[in-house]
């Protein structure tokens, strides 16, 4: 709450709550990695929405205004009454000359920013909380299944037709009783060495040392098991590179305030 009038002295929806939500939103964006999936205007919209999402809060909830036939409830047809009120109040402040930092923006950019902020503020209606949680869970599950399919399809393909350096970018190293395994750019697991001479050997296959021709890598001769591979041309490893498939970024709903 805040901004004069309603919101002053409210025990929960006050400037402390607003600061808490801004801090959480900042963490989602710049510590949690969400900013990487958003452009600059979208990031600004999230921060501003966090600031204003409960501005001028009266300390009462939507049910109160609907059941008492309050003017504000009729204004917004009983739908997300306070959330609409907060958004409208925020833009009322923003349009004042001393607050309007958007005066030099292009009209279409201002409209886009306002639309995004309004959607974010309306999303804080607690009646839609579980709907948002379900949507987020569904999106995460679908992204995970898609990533699993991509990984399976990638691993099912042979590397023989691809340039060696591209399909096996990284350094192959070995230690203990395992043969060399890919350090970067692959998810292939090490295989148990056939003999002591293979254990601990190093075969550098970085592009700078092996460019797909007949030259050997700079460090040493490939281990025997690699030279006697099944013809895949990938150092005796099982078919398929393991380019990691990261989960898709999913929009994270900002923490929603509890309507008083």
C-alpha atoms as a PDB file:
ATOM      1  CA  UNK A   1       0.000   0.000   0.000  1.00  0.00           C
ATOM      2  CA  UNK A   2       1.013   3.604  -0.131  1.00  0.00           C
ATOM      3  CA  UNK A   3       0.929   6.587  -2.404  1.00  0.00           C
ATOM      4  CA  UNK A   4      -1.299   8.653  -0.145  1.00  0.00           C
ATOM      5  CA  UNK A   5      -4.766   8.078   1.220  1.00  0.00           C
ATOM      6  CA  UNK A   6      -5.631   4.400   1.226  1.00  0.00           C
ATOM      7  CA  UNK A   7      -2.704   2.187   2.004  1.00  0.00           C
ATOM      8  CA  UNK A   8      -1.178   4.258   4.779  1.00  0.00           C
ATOM      9  CA  UNK A   9      -1.030   2.315   8.034  1.00  0.00           C
ATOM     10  CA  UNK A  10      -2.150  -0.973   6.458  1.00  0.00           C
ATOM     11  CA  UNK A  11      -0.430  -3.743   8.489  1.00  0.00           C
ATOM     12  CA  UNK A  12       0.471  -6.067   5.585  1.00  0.00           C
ATOM     13  CA  UNK A  13      -0.042  -4.517   2.142  1.00  0.00           C
ATOM     14  CA  UNK A  14       2.357  -1.669   2.769  1.00  0.00           C
ATOM     15  CA  UNK A  15       5.757  -0.440   1.600  1.00  0.00           C
ATOM     16  CA  UNK A  16       7.528  -3.285   3.411  1.00  0.00           C
ATOM     17  CA  UNK A  17       5.488  -5.866   1.470  1.00  0.00           C
ATOM     18  CA  UNK A  18       6.136  -4.003  -1.782  1.00  0.00           C
ATOM     19  CA  UNK A  19       9.880  -3.974  -1.072  1.00  0.00           C
ATOM     20  CA  UNK A  20       9.807  -7.692  -0.298  1.00  0.00           C
ATOM     21  CA  UNK A  21       8.090  -8.504  -3.609  1.00  0.00           C
ATOM     22  CA  UNK A  22      10.508  -6.267  -5.539  1.00  0.00           C
ATOM     23  CA  UNK A  23      13.461  -8.046  -3.938  1.00  0.00           C
ATOM     24  CA  UNK A  24      11.990 -11.463  -4.762  1.00  0.00           C
ATOM     25  CA  UNK A  25      11.293 -10.429  -8.351  1.00  0.00           C
ATOM     26  CA  UNK A  26      14.850  -9.151  -8.721  1.00  0.00           C
ATOM     27  CA  UNK A  27      16.127 -12.509  -7.457  1.00  0.00           C
ATOM     28  CA  UNK A  28      13.988 -14.427  -9.957  1.00  0.00           C
ATOM     29  CA  UNK A  29      15.283 -12.239 -12.769  1.00  0.00           C
ATOM     30  CA  UNK A  30      18.983 -11.865 -12.058  1.00  0.00           C
ATOM     31  CA  UNK A  31      19.863 -14.684  -9.668  1.00  0.00           C
ATOM     32  CA  UNK A  32      17.433 -17.298 -10.928  1.00  0.00           C
ATOM     33  CA  UNK A  33      18.195 -16.671 -14.597  1.00  0.00           C
ATOM     34  CA  UNK A  34      14.756 -15.535 -15.731  1.00  0.00           C
ATOM     35  CA  UNK A  35      16.163 -12.334 -17.236  1.00  0.00           C
ATOM     36  CA  UNK A  36      17.928 -14.376 -19.914  1.00  0.00           C
ATOM     37  CA  UNK A  37      14.526 -15.201 -21.437  1.00  0.00           C
ATOM     38  CA  UNK A  38      13.190 -11.635 -21.375  1.00  0.00           C
ATOM     39  CA  UNK A  39      14.035  -8.420 -23.178  1.00  0.00           C
ATOM     40  CA  UNK A  40      14.807  -5.162 -21.366  1.00  0.00           C
ATOM     41  CA  UNK A  41      11.211  -3.834 -21.489  1.00  0.00           C
ATOM     42  CA  UNK A  42       9.830  -7.084 -20.106  1.00  0.00           C
ATOM     43  CA  UNK A  43      12.328  -7.006 -17.248  1.00  0.00           C
ATOM     44  CA  UNK A  44      11.385  -3.402 -16.466  1.00  0.00           C
ATOM     45  CA  UNK A  45       7.704  -4.347 -16.538  1.00  0.00           C
ATOM     46  CA  UNK A  46       8.283  -7.084 -13.974  1.00  0.00           C
ATOM     47  CA  UNK A  47      10.111  -4.743 -11.597  1.00  0.00           C
ATOM     48  CA  UNK A  48       7.470  -2.001 -11.956  1.00  0.00           C
ATOM     49  CA  UNK A  49       4.637  -4.496 -11.504  1.00  0.00           C
ATOM     50  CA  UNK A  50       6.251  -5.692  -8.295  1.00  0.00           C
ATOM     51  CA  UNK A  51       6.452  -2.095  -7.063  1.00  0.00           C
ATOM     52  CA  UNK A  52       2.835  -1.169  -7.802  1.00  0.00           C
ATOM     53  CA  UNK A  53       0.922  -4.455  -7.509  1.00  0.00           C
ATOM     54  CA  UNK A  54      -0.661  -3.426  -4.165  1.00  0.00           C
ATOM     55  CA  UNK A  55      -0.365   0.361  -4.379  1.00  0.00           C
ATOM     56  CA  UNK A  56      -2.911   2.292  -2.258  1.00  0.00           C
ATOM     57  CA  UNK A  57      -4.265  -0.948  -0.796  1.00  0.00           C
ATOM     58  CA  UNK A  58      -7.233  -0.225   1.530  1.00  0.00           C
ATOM     59  CA  UNK A  59      -6.612  -3.218   3.788  1.00  0.00           C
ATOM     60  CA  UNK A  60      -9.783  -5.052   2.712  1.00  0.00           C
ATOM     61  CA  UNK A  61     -10.220  -7.850   0.211  1.00  0.00           C
ATOM     62  CA  UNK A  62     -12.207  -8.297  -2.993  1.00  0.00           C
ATOM     63  CA  UNK A  63     -14.979 -10.272  -1.318  1.00  0.00           C
ATOM     64  CA  UNK A  64     -15.661  -7.370   1.043  1.00  0.00           C
ATOM     65  CA  UNK A  65     -16.103  -4.884  -1.788  1.00  0.00           C
ATOM     66  CA  UNK A  66     -18.272  -7.255  -3.812  1.00  0.00           C
ATOM     67  CA  UNK A  67     -20.534  -8.178  -0.896  1.00  0.00           C
ATOM     68  CA  UNK A  68     -20.959  -4.553   0.186  1.00  0.00           C
ATOM     69  CA  UNK A  69     -21.775  -3.396  -3.365  1.00  0.00           C
ATOM     70  CA  UNK A  70     -18.942  -0.901  -3.189  1.00  0.00           C
ATOM     71  CA  UNK A  71     -18.497   1.564  -6.052  1.00  0.00           C
ATOM     72  CA  UNK A  72     -15.062   0.140  -6.874  1.00  0.00           C
ATOM     73  CA  UNK A  73     -16.595  -3.337  -7.280  1.00  0.00           C
ATOM     74  CA  UNK A  74     -19.162  -2.028  -9.788  1.00  0.00           C
ATOM     75  CA  UNK A  75     -16.411  -0.130 -11.615  1.00  0.00           C
ATOM     76  CA  UNK A  76     -14.612  -3.387 -12.386  1.00  0.00           C
ATOM     77  CA  UNK A  77     -17.725  -5.606 -12.621  1.00  0.00           C
ATOM     78  CA  UNK A  78     -16.687  -7.599  -9.559  1.00  0.00           C
ATOM     79  CA  UNK A  79     -13.671  -9.106 -11.377  1.00  0.00           C
ATOM     80  CA  UNK A  80     -10.250  -8.772  -9.732  1.00  0.00           C
ATOM     81  CA  UNK A  81     -11.496  -5.582  -8.146  1.00  0.00           C
ATOM     82  CA  UNK A  82      -8.422  -4.582  -6.154  1.00  0.00           C
ATOM     83  CA  UNK A  83      -5.978  -5.755  -8.809  1.00  0.00           C
ATOM     84  CA  UNK A  84      -7.661  -3.533 -11.407  1.00  0.00           C
ATOM     85  CA  UNK A  85      -7.715  -0.710  -8.880  1.00  0.00           C
ATOM     86  CA  UNK A  86      -3.973  -1.077  -8.169  1.00  0.00           C
ATOM     87  CA  UNK A  87      -3.093  -1.047 -11.876  1.00  0.00           C
ATOM     88  CA  UNK A  88      -5.271   1.984 -12.593  1.00  0.00           C
ATOM     89  CA  UNK A  89      -3.893   3.858  -9.582  1.00  0.00           C
ATOM     90  CA  UNK A  90      -0.314   3.070 -10.593  1.00  0.00           C
ATOM     91  CA  UNK A  91      -0.771   4.494 -14.083  1.00  0.00           C
ATOM     92  CA  UNK A  92      -2.532   7.507 -12.625  1.00  0.00           C
ATOM     93  CA  UNK A  93       0.658   8.262 -10.690  1.00  0.00           C
ATOM     94  CA  UNK A  94       2.869   7.416 -13.639  1.00  0.00           C
ATOM     95  CA  UNK A  95       1.087   9.818 -15.970  1.00  0.00           C
ATOM     96  CA  UNK A  96       1.729  12.775 -13.683  1.00  0.00           C
ATOM     97  CA  UNK A  97       4.454  15.006 -15.213  1.00  0.00           C
ATOM     98  CA  UNK A  98       6.814  14.609 -12.261  1.00  0.00           C
ATOM     99  CA  UNK A  99       6.607  10.805 -12.494  1.00  0.00           C
ATOM    100  CA  UNK A 100       6.290  10.168 -16.218  1.00  0.00           C
ATOM    101  CA  UNK A 101       9.667   8.758 -17.254  1.00  0.00           C
ATOM    102  CA  UNK A 102       8.022   7.299 -20.366  1.00  0.00           C
ATOM    103  CA  UNK A 103       7.409  10.670 -22.005  1.00  0.00           C
ATOM    104  CA  UNK A 104      10.203  10.135 -24.542  1.00  0.00           C
ATOM    105  CA  UNK A 105       9.274   6.546 -25.376  1.00  0.00           C
ATOM    106  CA  UNK A 106       7.586   5.593 -28.633  1.00  0.00           C
ATOM    107  CA  UNK A 107       3.842   5.174 -28.237  1.00  0.00           C
ATOM    108  CA  UNK A 108       3.894   1.480 -29.151  1.00  0.00           C
ATOM    109  CA  UNK A 109       6.570   0.813 -26.509  1.00  0.00           C
ATOM    110  CA  UNK A 110       4.514   2.586 -23.842  1.00  0.00           C
ATOM    111  CA  UNK A 111       1.432   0.558 -24.771  1.00  0.00           C
ATOM    112  CA  UNK A 112       3.410  -2.684 -24.645  1.00  0.00           C
ATOM    113  CA  UNK A 113       4.870  -1.829 -21.218  1.00  0.00           C
ATOM    114  CA  UNK A 114       1.471  -0.852 -19.805  1.00  0.00           C
ATOM    115  CA  UNK A 115      -0.167  -3.997 -21.148  1.00  0.00           C
ATOM    116  CA  UNK A 116       2.513  -6.203 -19.594  1.00  0.00           C
ATOM    117  CA  UNK A 117       2.298  -4.474 -16.208  1.00  0.00           C
ATOM    118  CA  UNK A 118      -1.500  -4.742 -16.166  1.00  0.00           C
ATOM    119  CA  UNK A 119      -1.376  -8.468 -16.967  1.00  0.00           C
ATOM    120  CA  UNK A 120       1.198  -9.053 -14.228  1.00  0.00           C
ATOM    121  CA  UNK A 121      -0.761  -7.101 -11.612  1.00  0.00           C
ATOM    122  CA  UNK A 122      -4.040  -8.842 -12.508  1.00  0.00           C
ATOM    123  CA  UNK A 123      -2.244 -12.169 -12.145  1.00  0.00           C
ATOM    124  CA  UNK A 124      -1.854 -11.481  -8.412  1.00  0.00           C
ATOM    125  CA  UNK A 125      -5.576 -12.114  -7.847  1.00  0.00           C
ATOM    126  CA  UNK A 126      -5.523 -14.965  -5.342  1.00  0.00           C
ATOM    127  CA  UNK A 127      -8.584 -16.557  -6.942  1.00  0.00           C
ATOM    128  CA  UNK A 128      -6.326 -17.435  -9.891  1.00  0.00           C
ATOM    129  CA  UNK A 129      -3.378 -18.592  -7.787  1.00  0.00           C
ATOM    130  CA  UNK A 130      -3.905 -22.334  -8.217  1.00  0.00           C
ATOM    131  CA  UNK A 131      -4.715 -21.849 -11.895  1.00  0.00           C
ATOM    132  CA  UNK A 132      -1.294 -20.250 -12.352  1.00  0.00           C
ATOM    133  CA  UNK A 133       0.420 -22.992 -10.350  1.00  0.00           C
ATOM    134  CA  UNK A 134      -1.222 -25.666 -12.522  1.00  0.00           C
ATOM    135  CA  UNK A 135      -0.195 -23.835 -15.706  1.00  0.00           C
ATOM    136  CA  UNK A 136       3.389 -23.558 -14.496  1.00  0.00           C
ATOM    137  CA  UNK A 137       3.554 -27.240 -13.535  1.00  0.00           C
ATOM    138  CA  UNK A 138       2.102 -28.291 -16.898  1.00  0.00           C
ATOM    139  CA  UNK A 139       4.621 -26.133 -18.751  1.00  0.00           C
ATOM    140  CA  UNK A 140       7.530 -27.568 -16.768  1.00  0.00           C
ATOM    141  CA  UNK A 141       6.347 -31.146 -17.364  1.00  0.00           C
ATOM    142  CA  UNK A 142       5.942 -30.558 -21.102  1.00  0.00           C
ATOM    143  CA  UNK A 143       9.385 -28.961 -21.333  1.00  0.00           C
ATOM    144  CA  UNK A 144      10.975 -31.882 -19.495  1.00  0.00           C
ATOM    145  CA  UNK A 145       9.304 -34.440 -21.761  1.00  0.00           C
ATOM    146  CA  UNK A 146      10.408 -32.507 -24.861  1.00  0.00           C
ATOM    147  CA  UNK A 147      13.977 -32.364 -23.555  1.00  0.00           C
ATOM    148  CA  UNK A 148      13.948 -36.126 -22.923  1.00  0.00           C
ATOM    149  CA  UNK A 149      12.759 -36.792 -26.486  1.00  0.00           C
ATOM    150  CA  UNK A 150      15.449 -34.524 -27.941  1.00  0.00           C
ATOM    151  CA  UNK A 151      18.138 -36.228 -25.850  1.00  0.00           C
ATOM    152  CA  UNK A 152      16.931 -39.686 -26.879  1.00  0.00           C
ATOM    153  CA  UNK A 153      16.832 -38.743 -30.567  1.00  0.00           C
ATOM    154  CA  UNK A 154      20.292 -37.194 -30.362  1.00  0.00           C
ATOM    155  CA  UNK A 155      21.814 -40.225 -28.656  1.00  0.00           C
ATOM    156  CA  UNK A 156      20.236 -42.563 -31.211  1.00  0.00           C
ATOM    157  CA  UNK A 157      22.164 -40.975 -34.077  1.00  0.00           C
ATOM    158  CA  UNK A 158      25.652 -42.029 -35.057  1.00  0.00           C
ATOM    159  CA  UNK A 159      28.497 -39.509 -34.975  1.00  0.00           C
ATOM    160  CA  UNK A 160      30.186 -41.012 -38.021  1.00  0.00           C
ATOM    161  CA  UNK A 161      28.749 -38.495 -40.453  1.00  0.00           C
ATOM    162  CA  UNK A 162      29.696 -35.405 -38.488  1.00  0.00           C
ATOM    163  CA  UNK A 163      33.047 -33.622 -38.277  1.00  0.00           C
ATOM    164  CA  UNK A 164      35.038 -35.187 -35.466  1.00  0.00           C
ATOM    165  CA  UNK A 165      35.777 -31.942 -33.680  1.00  0.00           C
ATOM    166  CA  UNK A 166      32.162 -30.831 -33.731  1.00  0.00           C
ATOM    167  CA  UNK A 167      30.741 -34.102 -32.454  1.00  0.00           C
ATOM    168  CA  UNK A 168      33.409 -34.630 -29.833  1.00  0.00           C
ATOM    169  CA  UNK A 169      34.328 -31.105 -28.796  1.00  0.00           C
ATOM    170  CA  UNK A 170      36.154 -31.270 -25.492  1.00  0.00           C
ATOM    171  CA  UNK A 171      39.094 -33.028 -23.904  1.00  0.00           C
ATOM    172  CA  UNK A 172      39.049 -36.760 -23.336  1.00  0.00           C
ATOM    173  CA  UNK A 173      40.749 -37.702 -20.087  1.00  0.00           C
ATOM    174  CA  UNK A 174      41.033 -40.819 -18.024  1.00  0.00           C
ATOM    175  CA  UNK A 175      41.968 -41.726 -14.493  1.00  0.00           C
ATOM    176  CA  UNK A 176      41.982 -44.800 -12.313  1.00  0.00           C
ATOM    177  CA  UNK A 177      40.633 -47.843 -14.106  1.00  0.00           C
ATOM    178  CA  UNK A 178      38.527 -46.013 -16.663  1.00  0.00           C
ATOM    179  CA  UNK A 179      39.259 -45.189 -20.251  1.00  0.00           C
ATOM    180  CA  UNK A 180      39.057 -41.632 -21.495  1.00  0.00           C
ATOM    181  CA  UNK A 181      35.664 -39.933 -21.380  1.00  0.00           C
ATOM    182  CA  UNK A 182      34.388 -36.649 -22.727  1.00  0.00           C
ATOM    183  CA  UNK A 183      34.839 -33.806 -20.251  1.00  0.00           C
ATOM    184  CA  UNK A 184      32.796 -31.179 -22.113  1.00  0.00           C
ATOM    185  CA  UNK A 185      30.037 -31.356 -24.714  1.00  0.00           C
ATOM    186  CA  UNK A 186      28.909 -34.886 -23.989  1.00  0.00           C
ATOM    187  CA  UNK A 187      27.018 -36.956 -21.468  1.00  0.00           C
ATOM    188  CA  UNK A 188      28.692 -40.265 -22.356  1.00  0.00           C
ATOM    189  CA  UNK A 189      29.848 -42.142 -19.275  1.00  0.00           C
ATOM    190  CA  UNK A 190      33.388 -43.582 -18.978  1.00  0.00           C
ATOM    191  CA  UNK A 191      33.899 -47.257 -19.805  1.00  0.00           C
ATOM    192  CA  UNK A 192      35.961 -49.624 -17.672  1.00  0.00           C
ATOM    193  CA  UNK A 193      39.499 -49.939 -19.049  1.00  0.00           C
ATOM    194  CA  UNK A 194      40.489 -53.199 -20.664  1.00  0.00           C
ATOM    195  CA  UNK A 195      43.984 -53.113 -19.200  1.00  0.00           C
ATOM    196  CA  UNK A 196      46.302 -51.004 -17.063  1.00  0.00           C
ATOM    197  CA  UNK A 197      47.935 -49.350 -20.067  1.00  0.00           C
ATOM    198  CA  UNK A 198      44.664 -47.688 -20.998  1.00  0.00           C
ATOM    199  CA  UNK A 199      43.953 -46.302 -17.545  1.00  0.00           C
ATOM    200  CA  UNK A 200      45.025 -42.704 -17.084  1.00  0.00           C
ATOM    201  CA  UNK A 201      45.866 -42.052 -20.741  1.00  0.00           C
ATOM    202  CA  UNK A 202      45.042 -38.687 -22.291  1.00  0.00           C
ATOM    203  CA  UNK A 203      43.905 -38.072 -25.847  1.00  0.00           C
ATOM    204  CA  UNK A 204      43.284 -34.467 -26.739  1.00  0.00           C
ATOM    205  CA  UNK A 205      40.608 -34.099 -29.420  1.00  0.00           C
ATOM    206  CA  UNK A 206      40.052 -30.357 -29.318  1.00  0.00           C
ATOM    207  CA  UNK A 207      39.492 -28.756 -32.693  1.00  0.00           C
ATOM    208  CA  UNK A 208      42.868 -27.033 -32.511  1.00  0.00           C
ATOM    209  CA  UNK A 209      44.592 -30.451 -32.392  1.00  0.00           C
ATOM    210  CA  UNK A 210      42.353 -32.640 -34.523  1.00  0.00           C
ATOM    211  CA  UNK A 211      40.617 -31.159 -37.568  1.00  0.00           C
ATOM    212  CA  UNK A 212      39.160 -34.279 -39.113  1.00  0.00           C
ATOM    213  CA  UNK A 213      42.244 -35.256 -41.152  1.00  0.00           C
ATOM    214  CA  UNK A 214      44.744 -38.074 -40.583  1.00  0.00           C
ATOM    215  CA  UNK A 215      46.866 -36.169 -38.047  1.00  0.00           C
ATOM    216  CA  UNK A 216      46.991 -37.524 -34.539  1.00  0.00           C
ATOM    217  CA  UNK A 217      46.054 -35.504 -31.493  1.00  0.00           C
ATOM    218  CA  UNK A 218      48.892 -33.600 -29.894  1.00  0.00           C
ATOM    219  CA  UNK A 219      49.119 -35.399 -26.572  1.00  0.00           C
ATOM    220  CA  UNK A 220      49.415 -39.036 -27.480  1.00  0.00           C
ATOM    221  CA  UNK A 221      48.245 -41.888 -29.665  1.00  0.00           C
ATOM    222  CA  UNK A 222      44.620 -42.823 -29.114  1.00  0.00           C
ATOM    223  CA  UNK A 223      44.113 -45.774 -26.757  1.00  0.00           C
ATOM    224  CA  UNK A 224      43.929 -49.181 -28.369  1.00  0.00           C
ATOM    225  CA  UNK A 225      40.197 -49.518 -27.794  1.00  0.00           C
ATOM    226  CA  UNK A 226      39.670 -46.245 -29.632  1.00  0.00           C
ATOM    227  CA  UNK A 227      41.751 -47.311 -32.650  1.00  0.00           C
ATOM    228  CA  UNK A 228      39.883 -50.599 -32.815  1.00  0.00           C
ATOM    229  CA  UNK A 229      36.450 -49.043 -32.632  1.00  0.00           C
ATOM    230  CA  UNK A 230      33.503 -50.388 -34.532  1.00  0.00           C
ATOM    231  CA  UNK A 231      33.891 -47.863 -37.304  1.00  0.00           C
ATOM    232  CA  UNK A 232      31.980 -44.972 -35.849  1.00  0.00           C
ATOM    233  CA  UNK A 233      35.119 -42.866 -35.911  1.00  0.00           C
ATOM    234  CA  UNK A 234      34.489 -41.555 -32.413  1.00  0.00           C
ATOM    235  CA  UNK A 235      37.135 -43.235 -30.302  1.00  0.00           C
ATOM    236  CA  UNK A 236      35.330 -46.456 -29.448  1.00  0.00           C
ATOM    237  CA  UNK A 237      32.539 -44.810 -27.531  1.00  0.00           C
ATOM    238  CA  UNK A 238      28.934 -45.789 -27.879  1.00  0.00           C
ATOM    239  CA  UNK A 239      26.954 -44.137 -30.649  1.00  0.00           C
ATOM    240  CA  UNK A 240      25.610 -40.693 -30.061  1.00  0.00           C
ATOM    241  CA  UNK A 241      26.955 -37.490 -28.738  1.00  0.00           C
ATOM    242  CA  UNK A 242      25.412 -36.237 -25.585  1.00  0.00           C
ATOM    243  CA  UNK A 243      24.992 -32.576 -26.121  1.00  0.00           C
ATOM    244  CA  UNK A 244      23.310 -31.511 -22.964  1.00  0.00           C
ATOM    245  CA  UNK A 245      19.713 -30.479 -23.322  1.00  0.00           C
ATOM    246  CA  UNK A 246      18.859 -27.883 -20.741  1.00  0.00           C
ATOM    247  CA  UNK A 247      15.314 -27.360 -19.616  1.00  0.00           C
ATOM    248  CA  UNK A 248      13.468 -24.579 -21.263  1.00  0.00           C
ATOM    249  CA  UNK A 249      12.976 -21.395 -19.347  1.00  0.00           C
ATOM    250  CA  UNK A 250       9.669 -21.036 -17.894  1.00  0.00           C
ATOM    251  CA  UNK A 251       8.133 -17.801 -16.777  1.00  0.00           C
ATOM    252  CA  UNK A 252       8.035 -17.675 -12.979  1.00  0.00           C
ATOM    253  CA  UNK A 253       4.956 -16.081 -11.409  1.00  0.00           C
ATOM    254  CA  UNK A 254       5.997 -13.462  -8.915  1.00  0.00           C
ATOM    255  CA  UNK A 255       5.075 -14.017  -5.300  1.00  0.00           C
ATOM    256  CA  UNK A 256       1.417 -13.054  -4.890  1.00  0.00           C
ATOM    257  CA  UNK A 257       0.270 -11.085  -1.921  1.00  0.00           C
ATOM    258  CA  UNK A 258      -2.447 -12.390   0.320  1.00  0.00           C
ATOM    259  CA  UNK A 259      -5.497 -10.254   0.128  1.00  0.00           C
ATOM    260  CA  UNK A 260      -6.357  -8.963   3.532  1.00  0.00           C
END
